Structure formats: structure tokens, C-alpha cells
Amino acid sequence: MGNQLGSAGLSLINLLINLYLFMLMLRFLLQASRADYYNPLSQSVVKITQPAVGLFQGFLRPINGRYDLATLAAGFVLKVGSIAIIFALFANGLPNLAHLAIAGVAALANAILKIYFFALIVMIILSWVAPNASHPGALLVMQLVEPIMAPVRRIIPPLGMIDLSPIVVFIAINLLDSLVVGSLIRAAGPAGWFVGL
């Protein structure tokens, strides 16, 4: 019974850490896609993540004003630190440092791909039920996915009312998830168990 409670507690801790990592990577992607900073949802994401990101902003500046290294560093340190603490408490030791670093990179990539995956689903549903929605959430989703959709649309333009570009992007996300993130998780060894949501 105690072992089951410990396992449930460990899963809950990992879930909460991954949800916060998800918010950090959402902040990173919103800035990278130049989404509306003053959107109420953008402001909420910034407020929630600022305690972690603020620790790194003094010495890590965004690249080209878009790619926020402080947010990436906060996510990486959070995930690597949490895996190290979990191993120290529950496995009586630490995994190899290289494995920890690989697991951290895999966690960032996994969160970014999940955000795009869910944002694409929301975008597709919105295009069916509310194509001209002006809700802040709908606008933010469209701004978030546009940088990855635009290059695909240039190659595969819409066929009348049918836009095939989301299918291509879904396939690319699944390939990256299975090939790249999957390989990183396997390379991380036991530390890879704590990568995903």
C-alpha cells in the first residue's frame, strides 16, 4: 500500500513539474512566434512563468528578440533538477550527468511538440466551428501555429475549401516525436522515464 502511495505521489510530482515545463515552453513559443504580448492569456503565461525565468534573465538575453534563452534555461534546469531530486529521494542515487542532460533536452522537445500538436487540433476545430473567432484564446492559437503552417502552405496550397497543410504538420510532429524525442528518451536511460506528460 505504501509503495503504491509513493508511486502515485511520484507520478503527481512529475505531472506538476511537466505542466509547469509546458507553460515555460508555451511562453518560449509565444515569443518565438511573435504572438500578441498584451493578449490576456499571454500575460497570464508570463506571470506564471516569471519566477523561474527571472532567475536567468540577468545573463541570458533573447536571440533576435524572439528566441528566449532564459526561458529555455529555466525549463532545462527545472526538469534536470527535478529528475535529480526524484532519483536522490526514491532511487538512492543520481543518474549519469549525461543522461540527465539528455533527459532535459528530450523534455523540452517533447513539451514543444505537444504544444504544437494540441494547438493544431484547436486550430482545426476553430476553423470548422468559428473561422472568424475574435476570442483572445483563438487569436493566440492562430498566432502560435502560423509560423509552422505558413511554410507548408507555400508548398501545399489549399485545394478550394480544403487545407491539407495541417496533415503534413501532424505527420512531421509525429515523426519528430517518435524519431528524435524517442531516441533521446532511450539515450537518457532511467532518467528518460520522467520526460513526458
N, C-alpha and C. Protein backbone atom coordinates (compact mmCIF):
# COMPACT_ATOMS: atom_id res chain seq x y z
N MET A 1 0.83 -1.21 0.00
CA MET A 1 0.00 0.00 0.00
C MET A 1 0.87 1.26 0.00
N GLY A 2 1.89 1.26 0.88
CA GLY A 2 2.78 2.41 0.96
C GLY A 2 3.55 2.62 -0.32
N ASN A 3 3.93 1.49 -0.97
CA ASN A 3 4.64 1.57 -2.25
C ASN A 3 3.76 2.18 -3.33
N GLN A 4 2.46 1.83 -3.32
CA GLN A 4 1.52 2.38 -4.29
C GLN A 4 1.33 3.88 -4.07
N LEU A 5 1.25 4.28 -2.79
CA LEU A 5 1.11 5.71 -2.47
C LEU A 5 2.34 6.48 -2.90
N GLY A 6 3.52 5.88 -2.68
CA GLY A 6 4.76 6.53 -3.10
C GLY A 6 4.82 6.68 -4.60
N SER A 7 4.39 5.66 -5.32
CA SER A 7 4.38 5.71 -6.77
C SER A 7 3.39 6.75 -7.28
N ALA A 8 2.22 6.82 -6.64
CA ALA A 8 1.21 7.82 -7.02
C ALA A 8 1.72 9.23 -6.74
N GLY A 9 2.39 9.40 -5.60
CA GLY A 9 2.96 10.72 -5.27
C GLY A 9 4.04 11.13 -6.24
N LEU A 10 4.87 10.16 -6.62
CA LEU A 10 5.93 10.42 -7.59
C LEU A 10 5.34 10.82 -8.93
N SER A 11 4.30 10.13 -9.36
CA SER A 11 3.63 10.45 -10.63
C SER A 11 3.02 11.84 -10.58
N LEU A 12 2.42 12.19 -9.43
CA LEU A 12 1.80 13.51 -9.28
C LEU A 12 2.85 14.62 -9.33
N ILE A 13 3.97 14.42 -8.64
CA ILE A 13 5.05 15.42 -8.65
C ILE A 13 5.56 15.61 -10.07
N ASN A 14 5.79 14.50 -10.77
CA ASN A 14 6.29 14.58 -12.14
C ASN A 14 5.28 15.27 -13.05
N LEU A 15 3.99 14.99 -12.86
CA LEU A 15 2.95 15.64 -13.66
C LEU A 15 2.95 17.15 -13.44
N LEU A 16 3.03 17.59 -12.19
CA LEU A 16 3.02 19.03 -11.89
C LEU A 16 4.24 19.72 -12.48
N ILE A 17 5.39 19.09 -12.38
CA ILE A 17 6.62 19.66 -12.96
C ILE A 17 6.48 19.75 -14.48
N ASN A 18 5.95 18.70 -15.11
CA ASN A 18 5.77 18.71 -16.56
C ASN A 18 4.76 19.75 -17.01
N LEU A 19 3.72 19.98 -16.21
CA LEU A 19 2.74 21.02 -16.55
C LEU A 19 3.39 22.41 -16.51
N TYR A 20 4.25 22.62 -15.51
CA TYR A 20 4.94 23.92 -15.43
C TYR A 20 5.94 24.05 -16.59
N LEU A 21 6.61 22.96 -16.92
CA LEU A 21 7.51 22.97 -18.08
C LEU A 21 6.73 23.28 -19.36
N PHE A 22 5.53 22.74 -19.46
CA PHE A 22 4.64 23.01 -20.59
C PHE A 22 4.36 24.51 -20.69
N MET A 23 4.10 25.16 -19.54
CA MET A 23 3.85 26.60 -19.52
C MET A 23 5.10 27.38 -19.94
N LEU A 24 6.26 26.93 -19.49
CA LEU A 24 7.51 27.60 -19.87
C LEU A 24 7.74 27.51 -21.37
N MET A 25 7.51 26.34 -21.94
CA MET A 25 7.72 26.18 -23.38
C MET A 25 6.65 26.91 -24.18
N LEU A 26 5.45 27.05 -23.61
CA LEU A 26 4.42 27.86 -24.27
C LEU A 26 4.88 29.31 -24.32
N ARG A 27 5.46 29.79 -23.23
CA ARG A 27 6.00 31.15 -23.21
C ARG A 27 7.08 31.32 -24.28
N PHE A 28 7.97 30.34 -24.36
CA PHE A 28 9.04 30.39 -25.35
C PHE A 28 8.47 30.46 -26.77
N LEU A 29 7.48 29.61 -27.07
CA LEU A 29 6.91 29.57 -28.41
C LEU A 29 6.10 30.81 -28.74
N LEU A 30 5.41 31.36 -27.75
CA LEU A 30 4.64 32.59 -27.99
C LEU A 30 5.58 33.73 -28.38
N GLN A 31 6.72 33.82 -27.68
CA GLN A 31 7.67 34.87 -28.02
C GLN A 31 8.32 34.59 -29.38
N ALA A 32 8.64 33.32 -29.64
CA ALA A 32 9.27 32.96 -30.92
C ALA A 32 8.35 33.24 -32.10
N SER A 33 7.04 33.06 -31.90
CA SER A 33 6.08 33.29 -32.99
C SER A 33 5.59 34.74 -33.03
N ARG A 34 6.14 35.58 -32.14
CA ARG A 34 5.75 36.99 -32.04
C ARG A 34 4.25 37.15 -31.83
N ALA A 35 3.70 36.27 -30.99
CA ALA A 35 2.28 36.38 -30.63
C ALA A 35 2.07 37.66 -29.81
N ASP A 36 0.83 38.12 -29.77
CA ASP A 36 0.48 39.36 -29.08
C ASP A 36 0.84 39.27 -27.60
N TYR A 37 1.83 40.04 -27.19
CA TYR A 37 2.29 40.03 -25.80
C TYR A 37 1.21 40.53 -24.86
N TYR A 38 0.35 41.42 -25.33
CA TYR A 38 -0.66 42.02 -24.46
C TYR A 38 -1.97 41.24 -24.44
N ASN A 39 -2.02 40.13 -25.14
CA ASN A 39 -3.17 39.24 -25.05
C ASN A 39 -3.29 38.78 -23.59
N PRO A 40 -4.49 38.75 -23.01
CA PRO A 40 -4.63 38.36 -21.60
C PRO A 40 -4.05 36.98 -21.30
N LEU A 41 -4.15 36.06 -22.23
CA LEU A 41 -3.61 34.72 -22.00
C LEU A 41 -2.08 34.74 -22.03
N SER A 42 -1.51 35.54 -22.93
CA SER A 42 -0.04 35.70 -22.94
C SER A 42 0.44 36.28 -21.62
N GLN A 43 -0.27 37.28 -21.14
CA GLN A 43 0.10 37.90 -19.87
C GLN A 43 0.03 36.91 -18.71
N SER A 44 -0.98 36.04 -18.73
CA SER A 44 -1.10 35.01 -17.68
C SER A 44 0.08 34.05 -17.73
N VAL A 45 0.45 33.62 -18.93
CA VAL A 45 1.59 32.70 -19.08
C VAL A 45 2.86 33.37 -18.56
N VAL A 46 3.06 34.64 -18.90
CA VAL A 46 4.26 35.36 -18.46
C VAL A 46 4.27 35.47 -16.93
N LYS A 47 3.15 35.79 -16.31
CA LYS A 47 3.09 35.93 -14.85
C LYS A 47 3.37 34.61 -14.15
N ILE A 48 2.81 33.52 -14.68
CA ILE A 48 3.00 32.21 -14.06
C ILE A 48 4.45 31.76 -14.15
N THR A 49 5.10 32.04 -15.27
CA THR A 49 6.46 31.54 -15.50
C THR A 49 7.57 32.50 -15.08
N GLN A 50 7.24 33.74 -14.79
CA GLN A 50 8.26 34.74 -14.49
C GLN A 50 9.15 34.38 -13.29
N PRO A 51 8.60 33.76 -12.21
CA PRO A 51 9.51 33.40 -11.10
C PRO A 51 10.68 32.52 -11.53
N ALA A 52 10.44 31.58 -12.44
CA ALA A 52 11.53 30.71 -12.90
C ALA A 52 12.40 31.40 -13.94
N VAL A 53 11.77 32.09 -14.89
CA VAL A 53 12.52 32.73 -15.98
C VAL A 53 13.35 33.90 -15.46
N GLY A 54 12.82 34.62 -14.49
CA GLY A 54 13.52 35.79 -13.94
C GLY A 54 14.90 35.47 -13.40
N LEU A 55 15.09 34.23 -12.94
CA LEU A 55 16.40 33.82 -12.40
C LEU A 55 17.49 33.84 -13.47
N PHE A 56 17.10 33.72 -14.74
CA PHE A 56 18.08 33.60 -15.82
C PHE A 56 18.14 34.83 -16.72
N GLN A 57 17.19 35.75 -16.57
CA GLN A 57 17.13 36.89 -17.48
C GLN A 57 18.28 37.87 -17.30
N GLY A 58 18.92 37.86 -16.14
CA GLY A 58 20.02 38.79 -15.91
C GLY A 58 21.23 38.51 -16.80
N PHE A 59 21.42 37.25 -17.21
CA PHE A 59 22.61 36.93 -18.00
C PHE A 59 22.30 36.19 -19.31
N LEU A 60 21.05 35.87 -19.56
CA LEU A 60 20.68 35.25 -20.83
C LEU A 60 19.66 36.12 -21.55
N ARG A 61 20.04 36.65 -22.67
CA ARG A 61 19.17 37.54 -23.45
C ARG A 61 18.57 36.79 -24.64
N PRO A 62 17.41 37.22 -25.10
CA PRO A 62 16.81 36.58 -26.28
C PRO A 62 17.68 36.78 -27.53
N ILE A 63 17.67 35.80 -28.40
CA ILE A 63 18.35 35.89 -29.69
C ILE A 63 17.38 36.49 -30.70
N ASN A 64 17.80 37.56 -31.38
CA ASN A 64 16.95 38.27 -32.35
C ASN A 64 15.64 38.76 -31.75
N GLY A 65 15.59 38.91 -30.44
CA GLY A 65 14.37 39.36 -29.78
C GLY A 65 13.26 38.33 -29.77
N ARG A 66 13.52 37.14 -30.30
CA ARG A 66 12.47 36.13 -30.43
C ARG A 66 12.72 34.88 -29.61
N TYR A 67 13.95 34.39 -29.62
CA TYR A 67 14.24 33.09 -29.01
C TYR A 67 14.82 33.32 -27.61
N ASP A 68 13.95 33.14 -26.63
CA ASP A 68 14.28 33.49 -25.25
C ASP A 68 15.08 32.39 -24.57
N LEU A 69 16.39 32.58 -24.50
CA LEU A 69 17.27 31.58 -23.89
C LEU A 69 17.01 31.42 -22.40
N ALA A 70 16.57 32.48 -21.74
CA ALA A 70 16.28 32.41 -20.30
C ALA A 70 15.15 31.42 -20.04
N THR A 71 14.13 31.43 -20.89
CA THR A 71 13.01 30.51 -20.72
C THR A 71 13.45 29.07 -20.97
N LEU A 72 14.26 28.86 -22.00
CA LEU A 72 14.79 27.51 -22.26
C LEU A 72 15.65 27.02 -21.10
N ALA A 73 16.49 27.91 -20.59
CA ALA A 73 17.36 27.54 -19.46
C ALA A 73 16.53 27.20 -18.23
N ALA A 74 15.48 27.99 -17.97
CA ALA A 74 14.62 27.73 -16.81
C ALA A 74 13.96 26.36 -16.94
N GLY A 75 13.47 26.05 -18.13
CA GLY A 75 12.84 24.75 -18.35
C GLY A 75 13.82 23.60 -18.20
N PHE A 76 15.01 23.78 -18.76
CA PHE A 76 16.04 22.73 -18.70
C PHE A 76 16.46 22.48 -17.25
N VAL A 77 16.76 23.55 -16.52
CA VAL A 77 17.21 23.40 -15.13
C VAL A 77 16.10 22.81 -14.27
N LEU A 78 14.86 23.26 -14.49
CA LEU A 78 13.72 22.72 -13.73
C LEU A 78 13.60 21.21 -13.93
N LYS A 79 13.66 20.78 -15.18
CA LYS A 79 13.46 19.36 -15.46
C LYS A 79 14.63 18.52 -14.98
N VAL A 80 15.85 18.97 -15.27
CA VAL A 80 17.03 18.21 -14.83
C VAL A 80 17.10 18.16 -13.31
N GLY A 81 16.82 19.30 -12.67
CA GLY A 81 16.83 19.34 -11.21
C GLY A 81 15.78 18.44 -10.60
N SER A 82 14.59 18.44 -11.18
CA SER A 82 13.51 17.61 -10.63
C SER A 82 13.83 16.12 -10.78
N ILE A 83 14.40 15.74 -11.93
CA ILE A 83 14.77 14.33 -12.12
C ILE A 83 15.85 13.93 -11.11
N ALA A 84 16.84 14.81 -10.91
CA ALA A 84 17.91 14.53 -9.95
C ALA A 84 17.35 14.37 -8.54
N ILE A 85 16.43 15.24 -8.15
CA ILE A 85 15.83 15.16 -6.81
C ILE A 85 15.01 13.88 -6.66
N ILE A 86 14.22 13.56 -7.69
CA ILE A 86 13.42 12.33 -7.64
C ILE A 86 14.33 11.11 -7.48
N PHE A 87 15.42 11.06 -8.23
CA PHE A 87 16.34 9.92 -8.12
C PHE A 87 17.01 9.90 -6.75
N ALA A 88 17.39 11.07 -6.24
CA ALA A 88 18.05 11.12 -4.94
C ALA A 88 17.12 10.63 -3.83
N LEU A 89 15.83 10.99 -3.93
CA LEU A 89 14.88 10.62 -2.88
C LEU A 89 14.39 9.18 -3.01
N PHE A 90 14.14 8.75 -4.24
CA PHE A 90 13.48 7.46 -4.42
C PHE A 90 14.39 6.35 -4.93
N ALA A 91 15.52 6.68 -5.51
CA ALA A 91 16.41 5.65 -6.05
C ALA A 91 17.76 5.61 -5.34
N ASN A 92 17.92 6.42 -4.30
CA ASN A 92 19.16 6.45 -3.51
C ASN A 92 20.40 6.66 -4.36
N GLY A 93 20.34 7.62 -5.24
CA GLY A 93 21.49 7.94 -6.08
C GLY A 93 21.08 8.84 -7.22
N LEU A 94 22.06 9.26 -7.99
CA LEU A 94 21.80 10.13 -9.13
C LEU A 94 22.12 9.41 -10.43
N PRO A 95 21.34 9.66 -11.47
CA PRO A 95 21.71 9.10 -12.77
C PRO A 95 22.95 9.80 -13.32
N ASN A 96 23.53 9.22 -14.32
CA ASN A 96 24.67 9.79 -15.02
C ASN A 96 24.33 11.22 -15.46
N LEU A 97 25.28 12.16 -15.33
CA LEU A 97 25.03 13.56 -15.70
C LEU A 97 24.68 13.71 -17.18
N ALA A 98 25.32 12.93 -18.04
CA ALA A 98 24.99 12.99 -19.47
C ALA A 98 23.55 12.54 -19.69
N HIS A 99 23.12 11.51 -18.97
CA HIS A 99 21.73 11.04 -19.08
C HIS A 99 20.75 12.11 -18.60
N LEU A 100 21.12 12.80 -17.53
CA LEU A 100 20.27 13.89 -17.03
C LEU A 100 20.13 14.99 -18.07
N ALA A 101 21.24 15.38 -18.68
CA ALA A 101 21.21 16.44 -19.70
C ALA A 101 20.38 16.03 -20.91
N ILE A 102 20.53 14.78 -21.34
CA ILE A 102 19.75 14.29 -22.48
C ILE A 102 18.26 14.28 -22.14
N ALA A 103 17.94 13.85 -20.92
CA ALA A 103 16.54 13.84 -20.49
C ALA A 103 15.97 15.26 -20.46
N GLY A 104 16.78 16.23 -20.05
CA GLY A 104 16.33 17.62 -20.04
C GLY A 104 16.02 18.13 -21.44
N VAL A 105 16.90 17.84 -22.39
CA VAL A 105 16.68 18.25 -23.79
C VAL A 105 15.44 17.55 -24.34
N ALA A 106 15.30 16.25 -24.04
CA ALA A 106 14.13 15.49 -24.52
C ALA A 106 12.84 16.07 -23.96
N ALA A 107 12.86 16.49 -22.69
CA ALA A 107 11.66 17.06 -22.06
C ALA A 107 11.26 18.37 -22.73
N LEU A 108 12.25 19.23 -23.05
CA LEU A 108 11.94 20.49 -23.73
C LEU A 108 11.35 20.21 -25.11
N ALA A 109 11.97 19.31 -25.87
CA ALA A 109 11.48 18.99 -27.21
C ALA A 109 10.09 18.36 -27.15
N ASN A 110 9.88 17.48 -26.18
CA ASN A 110 8.59 16.82 -26.02
C ASN A 110 7.49 17.85 -25.72
N ALA A 111 7.77 18.79 -24.83
CA ALA A 111 6.78 19.81 -24.47
C ALA A 111 6.45 20.69 -25.68
N ILE A 112 7.46 21.09 -26.43
CA ILE A 112 7.24 21.94 -27.61
C ILE A 112 6.38 21.22 -28.64
N LEU A 113 6.68 19.95 -28.90
CA LEU A 113 5.90 19.20 -29.88
C LEU A 113 4.46 18.99 -29.41
N LYS A 114 4.28 18.75 -28.10
CA LYS A 114 2.91 18.58 -27.56
C LYS A 114 2.11 19.88 -27.70
N ILE A 115 2.75 21.00 -27.44
CA ILE A 115 2.06 22.29 -27.57
C ILE A 115 1.59 22.48 -29.01
N TYR A 116 2.48 22.25 -29.96
CA TYR A 116 2.08 22.39 -31.36
C TYR A 116 0.99 21.40 -31.74
N PHE A 117 1.08 20.17 -31.25
CA PHE A 117 0.08 19.16 -31.56
C PHE A 117 -1.31 19.61 -31.10
N PHE A 118 -1.40 20.03 -29.83
CA PHE A 118 -2.71 20.44 -29.29
C PHE A 118 -3.19 21.75 -29.92
N ALA A 119 -2.26 22.66 -30.21
CA ALA A 119 -2.65 23.92 -30.84
C ALA A 119 -3.21 23.68 -32.23
N LEU A 120 -2.63 22.73 -32.96
CA LEU A 120 -3.15 22.40 -34.29
C LEU A 120 -4.55 21.81 -34.21
N ILE A 121 -4.79 20.96 -33.23
CA ILE A 121 -6.13 20.40 -33.05
C ILE A 121 -7.13 21.51 -32.78
N VAL A 122 -6.77 22.44 -31.88
CA VAL A 122 -7.66 23.57 -31.57
C VAL A 122 -7.88 24.42 -32.82
N MET A 123 -6.81 24.67 -33.58
CA MET A 123 -6.93 25.48 -34.80
C MET A 123 -7.90 24.83 -35.81
N ILE A 124 -7.79 23.52 -35.97
CA ILE A 124 -8.67 22.82 -36.91
C ILE A 124 -10.12 22.90 -36.46
N ILE A 125 -10.36 22.68 -35.17
CA ILE A 125 -11.73 22.76 -34.64
C ILE A 125 -12.28 24.17 -34.82
N LEU A 126 -11.45 25.18 -34.51
CA LEU A 126 -11.90 26.57 -34.67
C LEU A 126 -12.21 26.89 -36.13
N SER A 127 -11.42 26.35 -37.05
CA SER A 127 -11.66 26.64 -38.46
C SER A 127 -13.00 26.07 -38.93
N TRP A 128 -13.48 25.04 -38.26
CA TRP A 128 -14.78 24.46 -38.61
C TRP A 128 -15.94 25.19 -37.94
N VAL A 129 -15.79 25.45 -36.62
CA VAL A 129 -16.94 25.97 -35.86
C VAL A 129 -16.96 27.49 -35.74
N ALA A 130 -15.78 28.12 -35.75
CA ALA A 130 -15.73 29.58 -35.60
C ALA A 130 -14.54 30.13 -36.37
N PRO A 131 -14.61 30.13 -37.71
CA PRO A 131 -13.45 30.52 -38.52
C PRO A 131 -12.99 31.96 -38.31
N ASN A 132 -13.87 32.85 -37.89
CA ASN A 132 -13.50 34.25 -37.68
C ASN A 132 -13.56 34.64 -36.21
N ALA A 133 -13.24 33.70 -35.35
CA ALA A 133 -13.34 33.95 -33.90
C ALA A 133 -12.37 35.06 -33.48
N SER A 134 -12.86 35.92 -32.59
CA SER A 134 -12.01 37.02 -32.09
C SER A 134 -11.69 36.86 -30.61
N HIS A 135 -11.96 35.68 -30.06
CA HIS A 135 -11.64 35.41 -28.66
C HIS A 135 -10.12 35.43 -28.49
N PRO A 136 -9.61 35.98 -27.37
CA PRO A 136 -8.15 36.04 -27.17
C PRO A 136 -7.46 34.68 -27.30
N GLY A 137 -8.13 33.62 -26.82
CA GLY A 137 -7.54 32.28 -26.93
C GLY A 137 -7.42 31.83 -28.37
N ALA A 138 -8.47 32.08 -29.16
CA ALA A 138 -8.45 31.69 -30.57
C ALA A 138 -7.37 32.46 -31.33
N LEU A 139 -7.26 33.75 -31.06
CA LEU A 139 -6.25 34.57 -31.74
C LEU A 139 -4.84 34.08 -31.39
N LEU A 140 -4.64 33.73 -30.12
CA LEU A 140 -3.33 33.28 -29.68
C LEU A 140 -2.94 31.95 -30.35
N VAL A 141 -3.91 31.05 -30.46
CA VAL A 141 -3.64 29.76 -31.12
C VAL A 141 -3.24 29.99 -32.57
N MET A 142 -3.97 30.85 -33.25
CA MET A 142 -3.65 31.12 -34.66
C MET A 142 -2.26 31.74 -34.81
N GLN A 143 -1.92 32.68 -33.90
CA GLN A 143 -0.60 33.31 -33.96
C GLN A 143 0.51 32.29 -33.63
N LEU A 144 0.20 31.35 -32.76
CA LEU A 144 1.19 30.35 -32.35
C LEU A 144 1.52 29.39 -33.49
N VAL A 145 0.49 28.92 -34.21
CA VAL A 145 0.73 27.89 -35.23
C VAL A 145 1.11 28.47 -36.60
N GLU A 146 0.85 29.75 -36.83
CA GLU A 146 1.11 30.32 -38.15
C GLU A 146 2.56 30.17 -38.62
N PRO A 147 3.57 30.36 -37.75
CA PRO A 147 4.95 30.21 -38.23
C PRO A 147 5.29 28.81 -38.75
N ILE A 148 4.62 27.78 -38.23
CA ILE A 148 4.92 26.44 -38.76
C ILE A 148 3.98 26.07 -39.91
N MET A 149 2.82 26.73 -39.98
CA MET A 149 1.88 26.43 -41.05
C MET A 149 2.23 27.16 -42.36
N ALA A 150 2.71 28.39 -42.25
CA ALA A 150 2.95 29.22 -43.45
C ALA A 150 3.93 28.56 -44.44
N PRO A 151 5.08 28.02 -43.99
CA PRO A 151 5.99 27.39 -44.96
C PRO A 151 5.36 26.19 -45.67
N VAL A 152 4.54 25.42 -44.92
CA VAL A 152 3.89 24.25 -45.52
C VAL A 152 2.83 24.69 -46.52
N ARG A 153 2.10 25.77 -46.20
CA ARG A 153 1.06 26.27 -47.11
C ARG A 153 1.67 26.78 -48.41
N ARG A 154 2.90 27.28 -48.34
CA ARG A 154 3.56 27.74 -49.58
C ARG A 154 3.84 26.56 -50.51
N ILE A 155 4.15 25.40 -49.92
CA ILE A 155 4.44 24.21 -50.72
C ILE A 155 3.15 23.51 -51.14
N ILE A 156 2.20 23.41 -50.18
CA ILE A 156 0.92 22.73 -50.46
C ILE A 156 -0.20 23.74 -50.24
N PRO A 157 -0.57 24.50 -51.26
CA PRO A 157 -1.65 25.49 -51.08
C PRO A 157 -3.00 24.81 -50.88
N PRO A 158 -3.95 25.50 -50.24
CA PRO A 158 -5.28 24.92 -50.02
C PRO A 158 -5.94 24.55 -51.36
N LEU A 159 -6.65 23.44 -51.34
CA LEU A 159 -7.41 22.99 -52.51
C LEU A 159 -8.86 23.42 -52.33
N GLY A 160 -9.18 24.60 -52.79
CA GLY A 160 -10.53 25.14 -52.57
C GLY A 160 -10.75 25.41 -51.09
N MET A 161 -11.71 24.70 -50.49
CA MET A 161 -12.02 24.87 -49.06
C MET A 161 -11.22 23.90 -48.19
N ILE A 162 -10.42 23.04 -48.80
CA ILE A 162 -9.69 22.01 -48.05
C ILE A 162 -8.22 22.41 -47.91
N ASP A 163 -7.76 22.49 -46.66
CA ASP A 163 -6.36 22.82 -46.37
C ASP A 163 -5.67 21.56 -45.87
N LEU A 164 -4.75 21.03 -46.66
CA LEU A 164 -4.05 19.79 -46.32
C LEU A 164 -2.80 20.03 -45.46
N SER A 165 -2.41 21.29 -45.30
CA SER A 165 -1.17 21.57 -44.57
C SER A 165 -1.17 21.07 -43.13
N PRO A 166 -2.30 21.10 -42.38
CA PRO A 166 -2.25 20.55 -41.02
C PRO A 166 -1.90 19.07 -40.99
N ILE A 167 -2.32 18.31 -42.01
CA ILE A 167 -1.99 16.88 -42.04
C ILE A 167 -0.48 16.69 -42.16
N VAL A 168 0.14 17.50 -43.03
CA VAL A 168 1.60 17.42 -43.21
C VAL A 168 2.32 17.78 -41.91
N VAL A 169 1.83 18.82 -41.24
CA VAL A 169 2.46 19.24 -39.99
C VAL A 169 2.27 18.18 -38.90
N PHE A 170 1.09 17.56 -38.84
CA PHE A 170 0.86 16.47 -37.88
C PHE A 170 1.83 15.32 -38.13
N ILE A 171 2.02 14.97 -39.38
CA ILE A 171 2.94 13.88 -39.71
C ILE A 171 4.37 14.25 -39.28
N ALA A 172 4.76 15.51 -39.55
CA ALA A 172 6.11 15.96 -39.15
C ALA A 172 6.27 15.92 -37.64
N ILE A 173 5.25 16.36 -36.90
CA ILE A 173 5.31 16.35 -35.43
C ILE A 173 5.45 14.92 -34.93
N ASN A 174 4.66 14.00 -35.48
CA ASN A 174 4.72 12.60 -35.04
C ASN A 174 6.07 11.97 -35.37
N LEU A 175 6.62 12.30 -36.54
CA LEU A 175 7.95 11.78 -36.89
C LEU A 175 9.02 12.30 -35.94
N LEU A 176 8.98 13.61 -35.68
CA LEU A 176 9.96 14.19 -34.75
C LEU A 176 9.82 13.59 -33.35
N ASP A 177 8.57 13.39 -32.94
CA ASP A 177 8.32 12.84 -31.61
C ASP A 177 8.85 11.41 -31.50
N SER A 178 8.53 10.59 -32.51
CA SER A 178 8.95 9.19 -32.42
C SER A 178 10.44 9.00 -32.69
N LEU A 179 10.98 9.72 -33.68
CA LEU A 179 12.38 9.51 -34.04
C LEU A 179 13.34 10.27 -33.14
N VAL A 180 13.14 11.59 -33.03
CA VAL A 180 14.10 12.41 -32.28
C VAL A 180 13.88 12.29 -30.77
N VAL A 181 12.67 12.62 -30.33
CA VAL A 181 12.41 12.59 -28.88
C VAL A 181 12.50 11.16 -28.36
N GLY A 182 11.97 10.20 -29.13
CA GLY A 182 12.07 8.80 -28.71
C GLY A 182 13.50 8.35 -28.55
N SER A 183 14.36 8.74 -29.49
CA SER A 183 15.79 8.38 -29.40
C SER A 183 16.45 9.02 -28.19
N LEU A 184 16.10 10.29 -27.93
CA LEU A 184 16.67 10.97 -26.75
C LEU A 184 16.23 10.30 -25.46
N ILE A 185 14.95 9.92 -25.39
CA ILE A 185 14.43 9.27 -24.18
C ILE A 185 15.16 7.94 -23.95
N ARG A 186 15.36 7.18 -25.02
CA ARG A 186 16.09 5.90 -24.88
C ARG A 186 17.54 6.15 -24.48
N ALA A 187 18.15 7.19 -25.05
CA ALA A 187 19.56 7.50 -24.72
C ALA A 187 19.70 7.98 -23.28
N ALA A 188 18.62 8.53 -22.71
CA ALA A 188 18.69 9.05 -21.34
C ALA A 188 18.64 7.96 -20.29
N GLY A 189 18.37 6.72 -20.70
CA GLY A 189 18.30 5.62 -19.74
C GLY A 189 17.17 5.80 -18.75
N PRO A 190 17.39 5.45 -17.48
CA PRO A 190 16.32 5.58 -16.47
C PRO A 190 15.80 7.02 -16.30
N ALA A 191 16.65 8.00 -16.56
CA ALA A 191 16.20 9.40 -16.45
C ALA A 191 15.12 9.72 -17.47
N GLY A 192 15.09 8.99 -18.57
CA GLY A 192 14.09 9.20 -19.61
C GLY A 192 12.69 8.83 -19.20
N TRP A 193 12.54 8.07 -18.10
CA TRP A 193 11.21 7.69 -17.62
C TRP A 193 10.38 8.90 -17.22
N PHE A 194 11.04 10.01 -16.90
CA PHE A 194 10.34 11.17 -16.35
C PHE A 194 10.21 12.30 -17.36
N VAL A 195 10.38 12.01 -18.64
CA VAL A 195 10.38 13.06 -19.67
C VAL A 195 9.00 13.58 -19.98
N GLY A 196 8.06 12.72 -20.34
CA GLY A 196 6.77 13.16 -20.88
C GLY A 196 5.71 13.44 -19.86
N LEU A 197 4.58 13.98 -20.37
CA LEU A 197 3.42 14.24 -19.51
C LEU A 197 2.75 12.93 -19.14
